[in-house]
Amino acid sequence: MKGIILAAGKGTRLYPMTKPVCKPLLPIYDKPMIYYPLAALQQAGIRDVLIIVPPNDLDQFERLFGDGSTLGMNISYKEQFVQRGIADAFIVGEEFIGDDSVCLVLGDNVFYGDGLKDCLDKAQKNITGATIFGVYVDDPRAFGVVEFDENGKAISIEEKPENPKSNYIVPGLYFYDNRVVEIAKNVQPSARGELEITSVNNEYLKLGDLNVVTLGKDFVWLDAGTEDSLLAGGEVIRKIQAETGKYVACIEECSYDNGWISRDELHKLGKELEKTKYGKYIMNKL
C-alpha cells in the first residue's frame, strides 16, 4: 500500500502566519504539523509516501525529510499547481499509486489513541473497497457527515450539510483500493468547484464497498485549520506528552518501532537534536 499526504493547502484562513511558510510546516506544539499525518501512515505500516505540496514550496519539505531514507522510508514529492479539492490527490498521484492501494491523509489532521494502530492495521488489510473513519463532534456542519442506520451501517455521506443527519464526521484519513484513481477522474466538481472526497466515498457506498470504522471518545482527532484549533491542538499535544511521558508523532520512534531503522541509526537521529527535549526523548529510547 502507498501513502499520500495532501499538504498543498494555501492556509489562507491562517494569514498572516502562512504568508512566509505553508500551513503543514507550522508547528503544533513541538514539531511541524506534517509530522502528525506522517506518523499515522507509519503506524499503518506504510513506507512509500508521496507528499503533495504547494507550488514553490518543494525545497522546504525536501529539507525536512529528504528522500525519507534516514527514516527507512521512501518519500517523494509532487507539486499541486491548481487546488481542485481533496479527490484531486489521486489524479496528481496517479503515477505514484500505480497498481497499488492507497491511504490518503490530510496534512493538517492529527490522530492519536491507544487503539489507533489496530484500527489502521485493519483498514490497511482491507484490500477491497474503501475504509473511512467516523468521529463524533458537537457541530459537524463544517465537515463530511456520515449517517448510520440502526445496525451501524453507513447509509449516506454529505459534505458540509446545513442540517446534519448525525454528529459523526469523516476525518482526513482514507483507505482505498486501486479503483479510487478512476473514480476520482470521473468525479464532477461541486458547486464550489472542487473534486470532493465525499463524492468518492459516495461512489464506494453505491458499490457496497464502503467500510466505516467509528473511533471512540478516547481517540484524539484534531483539524488544525484555524488559529484557534492550532493553539488548542498544541495544548492537547503538550498535555498528552506531559501526562503519559510518550511523544505524539515522534516519526523517528515510529520508524524504529517498525524495524525500519536500527538502534545506531536512531541514536544518530537523536544526537542531531540532543539539545532539545524532542532529541532527548529519542535518545532515551536507547
C-alpha atoms as a PDB file:
ATOM      1  CA  MET A   1       0.000   0.000   0.000  1.00  0.00           C
ATOM      2  CA  LYS A   2       1.149   3.520  -0.849  1.00  0.00           C
ATOM      3  CA  GLY A   3       0.558   6.618   1.252  1.00  0.00           C
ATOM      4  CA  ILE A   4      -0.236  10.185   0.187  1.00  0.00           C
ATOM      5  CA  ILE A   5      -0.134  13.286   2.376  1.00  0.00           C
ATOM      6  CA  LEU A   6      -2.088  16.154   0.845  1.00  0.00           C
ATOM      7  CA  ALA A   7      -0.147  19.162   2.107  1.00  0.00           C
ATOM      8  CA  ALA A   8      -0.846  21.648  -0.681  1.00  0.00           C
ATOM      9  CA  GLY A   9      -3.280  23.967   1.099  1.00  0.00           C
ATOM     10  CA  LYS A  10      -2.554  27.690   0.960  1.00  0.00           C
ATOM     11  CA  GLY A  11      -3.698  28.162   4.552  1.00  0.00           C
ATOM     12  CA  THR A  12      -5.457  31.447   3.782  1.00  0.00           C
ATOM     13  CA  ARG A  13      -7.512  31.176   6.973  1.00  0.00           C
ATOM     14  CA  LEU A  14      -4.238  31.416   8.882  1.00  0.00           C
ATOM     15  CA  TYR A  15      -2.872  34.557   7.225  1.00  0.00           C
ATOM     16  CA  PRO A  16      -0.522  36.262   8.004  1.00  0.00           C
ATOM     17  CA  MET A  17       1.113  33.188   9.610  1.00  0.00           C
ATOM     18  CA  THR A  18       1.078  31.246   6.359  1.00  0.00           C
ATOM     19  CA  LYS A  19       2.335  34.005   4.100  1.00  0.00           C
ATOM     20  CA  PRO A  20       6.020  33.140   4.672  1.00  0.00           C
ATOM     21  CA  VAL A  21       5.535  29.399   5.323  1.00  0.00           C
ATOM     22  CA  CYS A  22       2.874  26.945   4.156  1.00  0.00           C
ATOM     23  CA  LYS A  23       0.437  25.573   6.708  1.00  0.00           C
ATOM     24  CA  PRO A  24       1.731  21.969   7.037  1.00  0.00           C
ATOM     25  CA  LEU A  25       5.104  23.306   8.196  1.00  0.00           C
ATOM     26  CA  LEU A  26       3.642  25.379  11.028  1.00  0.00           C
ATOM     27  CA  PRO A  27       4.294  23.899  14.483  1.00  0.00           C
ATOM     28  CA  ILE A  28       1.757  22.038  16.562  1.00  0.00           C
ATOM     29  CA  TYR A  29       3.433  22.311  19.965  1.00  0.00           C
ATOM     30  CA  ASP A  30       6.942  20.867  19.457  1.00  0.00           C
ATOM     31  CA  LYS A  31       7.009  19.575  15.904  1.00  0.00           C
ATOM     32  CA  PRO A  32       5.882  20.537  12.394  1.00  0.00           C
ATOM     33  CA  MET A  33       2.233  19.869  11.653  1.00  0.00           C
ATOM     34  CA  ILE A  34       3.109  17.407   8.878  1.00  0.00           C
ATOM     35  CA  TYR A  35       4.780  15.053  11.376  1.00  0.00           C
ATOM     36  CA  TYR A  36       1.335  14.035  12.637  1.00  0.00           C
ATOM     37  CA  PRO A  37      -0.139  12.700   9.368  1.00  0.00           C
ATOM     38  CA  LEU A  38       3.217  11.118   8.502  1.00  0.00           C
ATOM     39  CA  ALA A  39       3.170   9.277  11.837  1.00  0.00           C
ATOM     40  CA  ALA A  40      -0.321   7.979  11.043  1.00  0.00           C
ATOM     41  CA  LEU A  41       0.980   6.438   7.820  1.00  0.00           C
ATOM     42  CA  GLN A  42       3.939   4.962   9.690  1.00  0.00           C
ATOM     43  CA  GLN A  43       1.595   3.373  12.231  1.00  0.00           C
ATOM     44  CA  ALA A  44      -0.288   1.823   9.315  1.00  0.00           C
ATOM     45  CA  GLY A  45       2.995   0.257   8.183  1.00  0.00           C
ATOM     46  CA  ILE A  46       3.259   2.396   5.047  1.00  0.00           C
ATOM     47  CA  ARG A  47       6.820   3.175   3.915  1.00  0.00           C
ATOM     48  CA  ASP A  48       6.269   4.601   0.412  1.00  0.00           C
ATOM     49  CA  VAL A  49       4.872   8.103   0.751  1.00  0.00           C
ATOM     50  CA  LEU A  50       4.108  10.914  -1.688  1.00  0.00           C
ATOM     51  CA  ILE A  51       3.761  14.403  -0.225  1.00  0.00           C
ATOM     52  CA  ILE A  52       1.708  16.720  -2.432  1.00  0.00           C
ATOM     53  CA  VAL A  53       2.967  20.236  -1.802  1.00  0.00           C
ATOM     54  CA  PRO A  54       2.123  23.811  -2.855  1.00  0.00           C
ATOM     55  CA  PRO A  55       3.951  25.351  -5.816  1.00  0.00           C
ATOM     56  CA  ASN A  56       7.341  26.848  -4.960  1.00  0.00           C
ATOM     57  CA  ASP A  57       7.492  25.160  -1.520  1.00  0.00           C
ATOM     58  CA  LEU A  58       9.048  21.868  -2.568  1.00  0.00           C
ATOM     59  CA  ASP A  59      12.517  22.697  -1.235  1.00  0.00           C
ATOM     60  CA  GLN A  60      11.187  23.302   2.298  1.00  0.00           C
ATOM     61  CA  PHE A  61       9.728  19.794   2.500  1.00  0.00           C
ATOM     62  CA  GLU A  62      12.835  18.245   0.980  1.00  0.00           C
ATOM     63  CA  ARG A  63      14.995  19.943   3.616  1.00  0.00           C
ATOM     64  CA  LEU A  64      12.780  18.462   6.303  1.00  0.00           C
ATOM     65  CA  PHE A  65      12.554  14.844   5.115  1.00  0.00           C
ATOM     66  CA  GLY A  66      14.895  14.406   2.162  1.00  0.00           C
ATOM     67  CA  ASP A  67      14.120  11.152   0.389  1.00  0.00           C
ATOM     68  CA  GLY A  68      12.981   9.543   3.650  1.00  0.00           C
ATOM     69  CA  SER A  69      15.938   7.157   3.821  1.00  0.00           C
ATOM     70  CA  THR A  70      17.007   8.316   7.304  1.00  0.00           C
ATOM     71  CA  LEU A  71      13.593   7.057   8.479  1.00  0.00           C
ATOM     72  CA  GLY A  72      13.834   3.842   6.498  1.00  0.00           C
ATOM     73  CA  MET A  73      11.163   5.182   4.153  1.00  0.00           C
ATOM     74  CA  ASN A  74      10.785   6.263   0.533  1.00  0.00           C
ATOM     75  CA  ILE A  75       9.418   9.812   0.409  1.00  0.00           C
ATOM     76  CA  SER A  76       8.778  11.646  -2.847  1.00  0.00           C
ATOM     77  CA  TYR A  77       7.103  14.942  -3.665  1.00  0.00           C
ATOM     78  CA  LYS A  78       4.827  16.461  -6.259  1.00  0.00           C
ATOM     79  CA  GLU A  79       3.503  19.987  -6.613  1.00  0.00           C
ATOM     80  CA  GLN A  80      -0.217  20.661  -6.967  1.00  0.00           C
ATOM     81  CA  PHE A  81      -0.377  23.745  -9.166  1.00  0.00           C
ATOM     82  CA  VAL A  82      -4.151  24.186  -9.059  1.00  0.00           C
ATOM     83  CA  GLN A  83      -6.139  23.372  -5.943  1.00  0.00           C
ATOM     84  CA  ARG A  84      -9.087  21.289  -7.079  1.00  0.00           C
ATOM     85  CA  GLY A  85     -10.168  19.551  -3.898  1.00  0.00           C
ATOM     86  CA  ILE A  86      -9.109  16.532  -1.869  1.00  0.00           C
ATOM     87  CA  ALA A  87     -10.021  13.944  -4.514  1.00  0.00           C
ATOM     88  CA  ASP A  88      -7.552  15.571  -6.914  1.00  0.00           C
ATOM     89  CA  ALA A  89      -4.776  13.967  -4.849  1.00  0.00           C
ATOM     90  CA  PHE A  90      -5.448  10.658  -6.587  1.00  0.00           C
ATOM     91  CA  ILE A  91      -5.139  12.277 -10.009  1.00  0.00           C
ATOM     92  CA  VAL A  92      -1.967  14.148  -9.087  1.00  0.00           C
ATOM     93  CA  GLY A  93      -0.602  10.957  -7.526  1.00  0.00           C
ATOM     94  CA  GLU A  94      -1.762   8.503 -10.208  1.00  0.00           C
ATOM     95  CA  GLU A  95       1.738   7.575 -11.372  1.00  0.00           C
ATOM     96  CA  PHE A  96       2.924   7.175  -7.781  1.00  0.00           C
ATOM     97  CA  ILE A  97      -0.028   4.932  -6.857  1.00  0.00           C
ATOM     98  CA  GLY A  98       0.474   2.687  -9.884  1.00  0.00           C
ATOM     99  CA  ASP A  99      -1.326  -0.619  -9.328  1.00  0.00           C
ATOM    100  CA  ASP A 100      -1.341  -0.367  -5.535  1.00  0.00           C
ATOM    101  CA  SER A 101      -3.963   0.510  -2.971  1.00  0.00           C
ATOM    102  CA  VAL A 102      -3.522   3.846  -1.228  1.00  0.00           C
ATOM    103  CA  CYS A 103      -4.054   5.657   2.045  1.00  0.00           C
ATOM    104  CA  LEU A 104      -4.651   9.405   1.872  1.00  0.00           C
ATOM    105  CA  VAL A 105      -4.197  11.631   4.916  1.00  0.00           C
ATOM    106  CA  LEU A 106      -4.648  15.387   5.066  1.00  0.00           C
ATOM    107  CA  GLY A 107      -1.634  17.433   6.060  1.00  0.00           C
ATOM    108  CA  ASP A 108      -3.423  19.293   8.866  1.00  0.00           C
ATOM    109  CA  ASN A 109      -5.028  16.335  10.650  1.00  0.00           C
ATOM    110  CA  VAL A 110      -3.811  14.837  13.935  1.00  0.00           C
ATOM    111  CA  PHE A 111      -4.763  11.339  15.117  1.00  0.00           C
ATOM    112  CA  TYR A 112      -3.839   9.833  18.461  1.00  0.00           C
ATOM    113  CA  GLY A 113      -5.138   6.972  20.597  1.00  0.00           C
ATOM    114  CA  ASP A 114      -4.053   3.716  22.193  1.00  0.00           C
ATOM    115  CA  GLY A 115      -6.108   1.664  19.751  1.00  0.00           C
ATOM    116  CA  LEU A 116      -5.252   3.694  16.669  1.00  0.00           C
ATOM    117  CA  LYS A 117      -2.648   1.289  15.309  1.00  0.00           C
ATOM    118  CA  ASP A 118      -5.091  -1.624  15.473  1.00  0.00           C
ATOM    119  CA  CYS A 119      -7.700   0.401  13.557  1.00  0.00           C
ATOM    120  CA  LEU A 120      -5.133   1.357  10.934  1.00  0.00           C
ATOM    121  CA  ASP A 121      -3.934  -2.231  10.597  1.00  0.00           C
ATOM    122  CA  LYS A 122      -7.491  -3.408   9.936  1.00  0.00           C
ATOM    123  CA  ALA A 123      -8.041  -0.705   7.334  1.00  0.00           C
ATOM    124  CA  GLN A 124      -4.696  -1.420   5.679  1.00  0.00           C
ATOM    125  CA  LYS A 125      -5.503  -5.134   5.398  1.00  0.00           C
ATOM    126  CA  ASN A 126      -8.870  -4.485   3.759  1.00  0.00           C
ATOM    127  CA  ILE A 127      -7.758  -4.839   0.142  1.00  0.00           C
ATOM    128  CA  THR A 128     -11.218  -4.450  -1.389  1.00  0.00           C
ATOM    129  CA  GLY A 129     -13.206  -1.239  -1.360  1.00  0.00           C
ATOM    130  CA  ALA A 130     -12.713   1.775   0.880  1.00  0.00           C
ATOM    131  CA  THR A 131     -12.357   2.266   4.619  1.00  0.00           C
ATOM    132  CA  ILE A 132     -13.057   5.611   6.263  1.00  0.00           C
ATOM    133  CA  PHE A 133     -13.442   6.639   9.875  1.00  0.00           C
ATOM    134  CA  GLY A 134     -16.181   8.307  11.881  1.00  0.00           C
ATOM    135  CA  VAL A 135     -15.503  10.777  14.704  1.00  0.00           C
ATOM    136  CA  TYR A 136     -18.168  12.286  16.969  1.00  0.00           C
ATOM    137  CA  VAL A 137     -18.193  16.104  17.112  1.00  0.00           C
ATOM    138  CA  ASP A 138     -20.641  18.545  18.645  1.00  0.00           C
ATOM    139  CA  ASP A 139     -21.050  20.649  15.488  1.00  0.00           C
ATOM    140  CA  PRO A 140     -20.481  18.610  12.305  1.00  0.00           C
ATOM    141  CA  ARG A 141     -21.683  21.211   9.770  1.00  0.00           C
ATOM    142  CA  ALA A 142     -18.189  22.120   8.549  1.00  0.00           C
ATOM    143  CA  PHE A 143     -17.284  18.536   7.628  1.00  0.00           C
ATOM    144  CA  GLY A 144     -18.363  15.498   5.666  1.00  0.00           C
ATOM    145  CA  VAL A 145     -21.087  13.866   7.782  1.00  0.00           C
ATOM    146  CA  VAL A 146     -21.792  10.143   7.776  1.00  0.00           C
ATOM    147  CA  GLU A 147     -25.240   8.785   8.641  1.00  0.00           C
ATOM    148  CA  PHE A 148     -25.764   5.286  10.074  1.00  0.00           C
ATOM    149  CA  ASP A 149     -28.779   3.003  10.230  1.00  0.00           C
ATOM    150  CA  GLU A 150     -29.856   1.165  13.392  1.00  0.00           C
ATOM    151  CA  ASN A 151     -27.279  -1.557  12.682  1.00  0.00           C
ATOM    152  CA  GLY A 152     -24.411   0.906  12.452  1.00  0.00           C
ATOM    153  CA  LYS A 153     -24.153   0.628   8.661  1.00  0.00           C
ATOM    154  CA  ALA A 154     -23.337   3.809   6.735  1.00  0.00           C
ATOM    155  CA  ILE A 155     -26.261   4.882   4.555  1.00  0.00           C
ATOM    156  CA  SER A 156     -25.266   8.396   3.485  1.00  0.00           C
ATOM    157  CA  ILE A 157     -22.412  10.878   3.473  1.00  0.00           C
ATOM    158  CA  GLU A 158     -22.987  14.588   2.965  1.00  0.00           C
ATOM    159  CA  GLU A 159     -20.409  17.343   2.526  1.00  0.00           C
ATOM    160  CA  LYS A 160     -20.852  20.329   4.879  1.00  0.00           C
ATOM    161  CA  PRO A 161     -24.648  19.915   5.302  1.00  0.00           C
ATOM    162  CA  GLU A 162     -26.756  22.698   6.800  1.00  0.00           C
ATOM    163  CA  ASN A 163     -28.843  20.080   8.624  1.00  0.00           C
ATOM    164  CA  PRO A 164     -26.551  17.166   9.531  1.00  0.00           C
ATOM    165  CA  LYS A 165     -28.130  13.728   9.840  1.00  0.00           C
ATOM    166  CA  SER A 166     -25.683  12.675  12.552  1.00  0.00           C
ATOM    167  CA  ASN A 167     -22.850  14.001  14.696  1.00  0.00           C
ATOM    168  CA  TYR A 168     -20.285  11.706  13.100  1.00  0.00           C
ATOM    169  CA  ILE A 169     -17.890  13.332  10.670  1.00  0.00           C
ATOM    170  CA  VAL A 170     -15.344  11.781   8.329  1.00  0.00           C
ATOM    171  CA  PRO A 171     -11.828  12.932   9.311  1.00  0.00           C
ATOM    172  CA  GLY A 172      -8.990  13.327   6.838  1.00  0.00           C
ATOM    173  CA  LEU A 173      -7.770   9.730   6.732  1.00  0.00           C
ATOM    174  CA  TYR A 174      -8.966   7.390   3.983  1.00  0.00           C
ATOM    175  CA  PHE A 175      -8.010   3.928   2.676  1.00  0.00           C
ATOM    176  CA  TYR A 176      -8.885   2.889  -0.890  1.00  0.00           C
ATOM    177  CA  ASP A 177      -8.265   0.098  -3.347  1.00  0.00           C
ATOM    178  CA  ASN A 178      -6.829   0.948  -6.760  1.00  0.00           C
ATOM    179  CA  ARG A 179     -10.232   1.825  -8.250  1.00  0.00           C
ATOM    180  CA  VAL A 180     -10.037   5.197  -6.498  1.00  0.00           C
ATOM    181  CA  VAL A 181      -7.940   6.697  -9.302  1.00  0.00           C
ATOM    182  CA  GLU A 182     -10.582   6.137 -11.973  1.00  0.00           C
ATOM    183  CA  ILE A 183     -13.366   7.075  -9.567  1.00  0.00           C
ATOM    184  CA  ALA A 184     -11.635  10.376  -8.810  1.00  0.00           C
ATOM    185  CA  LYS A 185     -11.194  11.088 -12.528  1.00  0.00           C
ATOM    186  CA  ASN A 186     -14.951  10.790 -13.018  1.00  0.00           C
ATOM    187  CA  VAL A 187     -15.960  12.979 -10.090  1.00  0.00           C
ATOM    188  CA  GLN A 188     -17.826  16.098 -11.160  1.00  0.00           C
ATOM    189  CA  PRO A 189     -16.792  19.369  -9.488  1.00  0.00           C
ATOM    190  CA  SER A 190     -19.101  20.506  -6.722  1.00  0.00           C
ATOM    191  CA  ALA A 191     -20.846  23.880  -6.559  1.00  0.00           C
ATOM    192  CA  ARG A 192     -17.681  25.308  -5.037  1.00  0.00           C
ATOM    193  CA  GLY A 193     -15.616  23.986  -7.945  1.00  0.00           C
ATOM    194  CA  GLU A 194     -13.833  21.181  -6.098  1.00  0.00           C
ATOM    195  CA  LEU A 195     -13.476  17.432  -6.543  1.00  0.00           C
ATOM    196  CA  GLU A 196     -14.977  16.436  -3.218  1.00  0.00           C
ATOM    197  CA  ILE A 197     -13.721  13.408  -1.331  1.00  0.00           C
ATOM    198  CA  THR A 198     -17.337  12.860  -0.259  1.00  0.00           C
ATOM    199  CA  SER A 199     -18.185  12.151  -3.921  1.00  0.00           C
ATOM    200  CA  VAL A 200     -15.519   9.434  -3.973  1.00  0.00           C
ATOM    201  CA  ASN A 201     -16.838   7.922  -0.750  1.00  0.00           C
ATOM    202  CA  ASN A 202     -20.411   8.013  -2.010  1.00  0.00           C
ATOM    203  CA  GLU A 203     -19.351   6.110  -5.131  1.00  0.00           C
ATOM    204  CA  TYR A 204     -17.907   3.340  -2.961  1.00  0.00           C
ATOM    205  CA  LEU A 205     -21.109   3.477  -0.898  1.00  0.00           C
ATOM    206  CA  LYS A 206     -23.172   2.902  -4.069  1.00  0.00           C
ATOM    207  CA  LEU A 207     -20.934  -0.039  -4.950  1.00  0.00           C
ATOM    208  CA  GLY A 208     -21.474  -1.530  -1.497  1.00  0.00           C
ATOM    209  CA  ASP A 209     -17.750  -1.362  -0.812  1.00  0.00           C
ATOM    210  CA  LEU A 210     -17.532   1.362   1.843  1.00  0.00           C
ATOM    211  CA  ASN A 211     -16.403   0.369   5.319  1.00  0.00           C
ATOM    212  CA  VAL A 212     -16.726   2.842   8.189  1.00  0.00           C
ATOM    213  CA  VAL A 213     -14.851   2.462  11.478  1.00  0.00           C
ATOM    214  CA  THR A 214     -16.038   4.694  14.311  1.00  0.00           C
ATOM    215  CA  LEU A 215     -13.316   5.974  16.616  1.00  0.00           C
ATOM    216  CA  GLY A 216     -14.191   6.031  20.301  1.00  0.00           C
ATOM    217  CA  LYS A 217     -14.116   9.065  22.558  1.00  0.00           C
ATOM    218  CA  ASP A 218     -10.683   8.047  23.846  1.00  0.00           C
ATOM    219  CA  PHE A 219      -9.253   8.938  20.434  1.00  0.00           C
ATOM    220  CA  VAL A 220      -7.881  12.388  19.775  1.00  0.00           C
ATOM    221  CA  TRP A 221      -8.607  13.935  16.391  1.00  0.00           C
ATOM    222  CA  LEU A 222      -7.621  17.491  15.555  1.00  0.00           C
ATOM    223  CA  ASP A 223      -8.109  19.551  12.413  1.00  0.00           C
ATOM    224  CA  ALA A 224      -5.576  22.379  12.695  1.00  0.00           C
ATOM    225  CA  GLY A 225      -7.129  24.644  10.088  1.00  0.00           C
ATOM    226  CA  THR A 226      -7.701  27.797  12.122  1.00  0.00           C
ATOM    227  CA  GLU A 227      -5.661  29.792  14.611  1.00  0.00           C
ATOM    228  CA  ASP A 228      -7.892  28.614  17.473  1.00  0.00           C
ATOM    229  CA  SER A 229      -7.645  24.935  16.522  1.00  0.00           C
ATOM    230  CA  LEU A 230      -3.892  25.313  16.018  1.00  0.00           C
ATOM    231  CA  LEU A 231      -3.495  26.737  19.528  1.00  0.00           C
ATOM    232  CA  ALA A 232      -5.876  24.183  21.062  1.00  0.00           C
ATOM    233  CA  GLY A 233      -4.088  21.367  19.240  1.00  0.00           C
ATOM    234  CA  GLY A 234      -0.747  22.428  20.700  1.00  0.00           C
ATOM    235  CA  GLU A 235      -2.227  22.419  24.202  1.00  0.00           C
ATOM    236  CA  VAL A 236      -3.700  18.944  23.675  1.00  0.00           C
ATOM    237  CA  ILE A 237      -0.364  17.540  22.477  1.00  0.00           C
ATOM    238  CA  ARG A 238       1.508  19.205  25.354  1.00  0.00           C
ATOM    239  CA  LYS A 239      -0.919  17.705  27.867  1.00  0.00           C
ATOM    240  CA  ILE A 240      -0.763  14.193  26.395  1.00  0.00           C
ATOM    241  CA  GLN A 241       3.018  14.184  26.377  1.00  0.00           C
ATOM    242  CA  ALA A 242       3.288  15.624  29.889  1.00  0.00           C
ATOM    243  CA  GLU A 243       0.810  13.130  31.355  1.00  0.00           C
ATOM    244  CA  THR A 244       1.895   9.984  29.509  1.00  0.00           C
ATOM    245  CA  GLY A 245       5.601  10.618  29.014  1.00  0.00           C
ATOM    246  CA  LYS A 246       5.133   9.425  25.421  1.00  0.00           C
ATOM    247  CA  TYR A 247       5.613  11.777  22.493  1.00  0.00           C
ATOM    248  CA  VAL A 248       2.860  12.054  19.898  1.00  0.00           C
ATOM    249  CA  ALA A 249       4.042  11.638  16.291  1.00  0.00           C
ATOM    250  CA  CYS A 250       7.720  11.077  17.005  1.00  0.00           C
ATOM    251  CA  ILE A 251       8.483   9.859  13.492  1.00  0.00           C
ATOM    252  CA  GLU A 252      11.950   8.564  14.411  1.00  0.00           C
ATOM    253  CA  GLU A 253      10.423   6.434  17.162  1.00  0.00           C
ATOM    254  CA  CYS A 254       7.755   5.145  14.759  1.00  0.00           C
ATOM    255  CA  SER A 255      10.407   4.035  12.267  1.00  0.00           C
ATOM    256  CA  TYR A 256      12.442   2.346  14.993  1.00  0.00           C
ATOM    257  CA  ASP A 257       9.419   0.551  16.435  1.00  0.00           C
ATOM    258  CA  ASN A 258       8.540  -0.665  12.920  1.00  0.00           C
ATOM    259  CA  GLY A 259      12.044  -2.081  12.498  1.00  0.00           C
ATOM    260  CA  TRP A 260      12.808   0.275   9.608  1.00  0.00           C
ATOM    261  CA  ILE A 261      15.905   1.775  11.225  1.00  0.00           C
ATOM    262  CA  SER A 262      18.494   0.290  13.558  1.00  0.00           C
ATOM    263  CA  ARG A 263      19.410   1.276  17.096  1.00  0.00           C
ATOM    264  CA  ASP A 264      22.527   3.038  15.791  1.00  0.00           C
ATOM    265  CA  GLU A 265      20.504   4.957  13.215  1.00  0.00           C
ATOM    266  CA  LEU A 266      18.022   6.040  15.860  1.00  0.00           C
ATOM    267  CA  HIS A 267      20.900   7.179  18.065  1.00  0.00           C
ATOM    268  CA  LYS A 268      22.287   9.284  15.213  1.00  0.00           C
ATOM    269  CA  LEU A 269      18.923  10.970  14.648  1.00  0.00           C
ATOM    270  CA  GLY A 270      18.581  11.710  18.351  1.00  0.00           C
ATOM    271  CA  LYS A 271      22.136  13.018  18.580  1.00  0.00           C
ATOM    272  CA  GLU A 272      21.398  15.639  15.925  1.00  0.00           C
ATOM    273  CA  LEU A 273      18.647  17.030  18.187  1.00  0.00           C
ATOM    274  CA  GLU A 274      20.214  16.358  21.578  1.00  0.00           C
ATOM    275  CA  LYS A 275      19.842  19.968  22.768  1.00  0.00           C
ATOM    276  CA  THR A 276      16.045  19.701  22.523  1.00  0.00           C
ATOM    277  CA  LYS A 277      13.520  17.803  24.624  1.00  0.00           C
ATOM    278  CA  TYR A 278      12.485  16.026  21.443  1.00  0.00           C
ATOM    279  CA  GLY A 279      16.046  14.832  20.827  1.00  0.00           C
ATOM    280  CA  LYS A 280      16.483  13.766  24.449  1.00  0.00           C
ATOM    281  CA  TYR A 281      13.257  11.746  24.185  1.00  0.00           C
ATOM    282  CA  ILE A 282      14.666   9.888  21.165  1.00  0.00           C
ATOM    283  CA  MET A 283      17.950   9.248  22.988  1.00  0.00           C
ATOM    284  CA  ASN A 284      16.053   7.855  25.974  1.00  0.00           C
ATOM    285  CA  LYS A 285      14.576   5.158  23.709  1.00  0.00           C
ATOM    286  CA  LEU A 286      18.013   3.527  23.617  1.00  0.00           C
END
